[in-house]
């Protein structure tokens, strides 16, 4: 019998948005692209897969489907507050890709309202210090688990 994997919010989140086209849909919506045909074009997603991803994101409360035309009936997709909270994840993924995959020519820049190109950093809300590997200590809350794995192993 296979042992159960570590209980983890990362795994739970990836089960919902970890598929390639789900994240690309969220990218498009965050860029203001909200209609099916444009999302399909800009992501390259096959229409049947895109339909399934949009349905799942709506059911999960990440996107909402809003009617913009009655005749013919047409919808657009908008981020819910939960969907908007994924923006920092997208920006951080983009920043990593810009530095490690597209360092010579970044495909898109994000300008902050201060007028500078955004360089995202993860900051502790309590002390204002940068959160990096060296400054973080895992406090495992899942019963029967430690940072190294299950207690029984």
Protein backbone atom coordinates (compact mmCIF):
# COMPACT_ATOMS: atom_id res chain seq x y z
CA UNK A 1 0.00 0.00 0.00
CA UNK A 2 1.33 3.40 -0.96
CA UNK A 3 1.91 5.85 1.88
CA UNK A 4 -0.13 9.06 1.87
CA UNK A 5 1.79 12.11 0.66
CA UNK A 6 2.55 15.04 2.94
CA UNK A 7 -0.53 17.19 3.67
CA UNK A 8 0.31 20.45 1.92
CA UNK A 9 -1.40 23.63 0.78
CA UNK A 10 1.00 23.81 -2.18
CA UNK A 11 -0.22 20.41 -3.41
CA UNK A 12 -3.85 21.41 -2.84
CA UNK A 13 -3.35 24.64 -4.78
CA UNK A 14 -1.52 22.90 -7.62
CA UNK A 15 -4.39 20.43 -7.90
CA UNK A 16 -6.56 23.42 -8.79
CA UNK A 17 -4.32 25.84 -10.70
CA UNK A 18 -1.16 23.84 -11.40
CA UNK A 19 -2.10 22.77 -14.89
CA UNK A 20 -0.40 24.91 -17.55
CA UNK A 21 -3.50 26.37 -19.13
CA UNK A 22 -5.09 27.27 -15.79
CA UNK A 23 -2.16 29.55 -14.96
CA UNK A 24 -2.14 30.99 -18.48
CA UNK A 25 -5.87 31.76 -18.20
CA UNK A 26 -5.17 33.59 -14.95
CA UNK A 27 -2.34 35.49 -16.69
CA UNK A 28 -4.69 36.60 -19.45
CA UNK A 29 -7.44 37.67 -17.07
CA UNK A 30 -4.90 39.62 -15.01
CA UNK A 31 -3.83 41.39 -18.23
CA UNK A 32 -7.46 42.35 -18.93
CA UNK A 33 -8.22 39.66 -21.52
CA UNK A 34 -11.59 38.25 -20.47
CA UNK A 35 -13.34 36.74 -23.49
CA UNK A 36 -13.07 33.09 -24.48
CA UNK A 37 -11.81 33.59 -28.05
CA UNK A 38 -9.01 35.96 -26.98
CA UNK A 39 -8.03 33.74 -24.05
CA UNK A 40 -7.88 30.76 -26.43
CA UNK A 41 -5.77 32.70 -28.93
CA UNK A 42 -3.36 34.12 -26.37
CA UNK A 43 -2.82 30.87 -24.45
CA UNK A 44 -2.80 28.46 -27.38
CA UNK A 45 -5.11 26.18 -25.39
CA UNK A 46 -7.30 23.77 -27.34
CA UNK A 47 -10.91 24.94 -27.02
CA UNK A 48 -12.12 21.80 -25.21
CA UNK A 49 -9.32 22.01 -22.64
CA UNK A 50 -9.86 25.74 -22.19
CA UNK A 51 -13.58 25.17 -21.63
CA UNK A 52 -12.79 22.61 -18.92
CA UNK A 53 -10.21 24.87 -17.22
CA UNK A 54 -12.53 27.87 -17.21
CA UNK A 55 -15.35 25.76 -15.78
CA UNK A 56 -13.09 24.46 -13.01
CA UNK A 57 -11.77 27.93 -12.15
CA UNK A 58 -15.34 29.26 -11.97
CA UNK A 59 -16.49 26.33 -9.81
CA UNK A 60 -13.54 26.91 -7.47
CA UNK A 61 -14.46 30.58 -7.04
CA UNK A 62 -11.28 31.89 -8.69
CA UNK A 63 -13.05 33.34 -11.73
CA UNK A 64 -16.60 34.45 -12.29
CA UNK A 65 -18.51 34.16 -15.54
CA UNK A 66 -20.26 37.45 -16.39
CA UNK A 67 -22.74 37.85 -19.24
CA UNK A 68 -21.84 40.73 -21.57
CA UNK A 69 -24.30 40.01 -24.41
CA UNK A 70 -27.84 38.61 -24.37
CA UNK A 71 -28.18 38.03 -28.14
CA UNK A 72 -26.22 36.01 -28.74
CA UNK A 73 -25.56 35.02 -25.15
CA UNK A 74 -21.86 35.66 -24.47
CA UNK A 75 -19.78 35.65 -21.32
CA UNK A 76 -16.48 37.00 -20.11
CA UNK A 77 -14.36 35.87 -17.21
CA UNK A 78 -13.27 38.07 -14.33
CA UNK A 79 -11.12 37.33 -11.33
CA UNK A 80 -12.92 37.04 -8.01
CA UNK A 81 -11.17 38.34 -4.88
CA UNK A 82 -9.66 34.84 -4.48
CA UNK A 83 -8.44 34.99 -8.08
CA UNK A 84 -6.93 38.43 -7.55
CA UNK A 85 -4.99 37.02 -4.58
CA UNK A 86 -3.16 34.75 -7.05
CA UNK A 87 -1.62 37.80 -8.79
CA UNK A 88 1.54 37.76 -6.62
CA UNK A 89 2.04 34.08 -7.53
CA UNK A 90 1.87 34.91 -11.24
CA UNK A 91 4.18 37.89 -10.85
CA UNK A 92 6.71 35.83 -8.91
CA UNK A 93 6.63 33.03 -11.51
CA UNK A 94 7.10 35.61 -14.25
CA UNK A 95 10.02 37.20 -12.40
CA UNK A 96 11.72 33.82 -11.97
CA UNK A 97 11.24 33.07 -15.68
CA UNK A 98 12.58 36.49 -16.63
CA UNK A 99 15.74 35.93 -14.59
CA UNK A 100 16.39 32.26 -15.38
CA UNK A 101 14.80 31.64 -18.80
CA UNK A 102 14.45 34.99 -20.58
CA UNK A 103 17.22 37.11 -19.06
CA UNK A 104 18.27 38.59 -22.40
CA UNK A 105 14.80 39.70 -23.46
CA UNK A 106 11.94 39.78 -21.01
CA UNK A 107 8.65 39.25 -22.91
CA UNK A 108 6.57 41.54 -20.66
CA UNK A 109 7.45 44.14 -18.06
CA UNK A 110 5.21 45.20 -15.21
CA UNK A 111 5.44 48.83 -14.26
CA UNK A 112 4.58 49.69 -10.68
CA UNK A 113 2.55 52.84 -10.00
CA UNK A 114 5.81 54.51 -8.83
CA UNK A 115 6.96 54.36 -12.46
CA UNK A 116 9.64 51.71 -12.01
CA UNK A 117 9.66 48.19 -13.44
CA UNK A 118 8.46 45.84 -10.72
CA UNK A 119 10.99 43.58 -9.05
CA UNK A 120 8.86 41.50 -6.65
CA UNK A 121 10.09 40.46 -3.22
CA UNK A 122 8.43 38.42 -0.50
CA UNK A 123 8.32 40.50 2.68
CA UNK A 124 7.23 39.53 6.20
CA UNK A 125 4.13 41.54 7.12
CA UNK A 126 5.22 41.71 10.80
CA UNK A 127 8.83 42.88 10.63
CA UNK A 128 9.24 43.99 7.01
CA UNK A 129 12.21 41.69 6.49
CA UNK A 130 12.70 39.84 3.23
CA UNK A 131 11.50 36.23 3.38
CA UNK A 132 14.09 33.93 1.85
CA UNK A 133 15.17 30.35 2.51
CA UNK A 134 17.64 31.38 5.21
CA UNK A 135 15.05 33.39 7.15
CA UNK A 136 12.27 30.78 7.23
CA UNK A 137 11.72 27.86 9.62
CA UNK A 138 8.99 25.30 8.84
CA UNK A 139 6.56 24.72 11.70
CA UNK A 140 4.79 21.56 10.55
CA UNK A 141 1.18 21.49 11.78
CA UNK A 142 -0.04 18.28 10.11
CA UNK A 143 -0.45 15.52 12.71
CA UNK A 144 2.13 12.75 12.33
CA UNK A 145 4.48 14.80 10.16
CA UNK A 146 7.80 16.58 10.65
CA UNK A 147 9.74 18.70 8.17
CA UNK A 148 11.66 15.53 7.21
CA UNK A 149 8.54 13.44 6.61
CA UNK A 150 6.13 11.18 8.47
CA UNK A 151 6.89 10.46 12.13
CA UNK A 152 6.63 6.68 11.52
CA UNK A 153 9.41 6.54 8.88
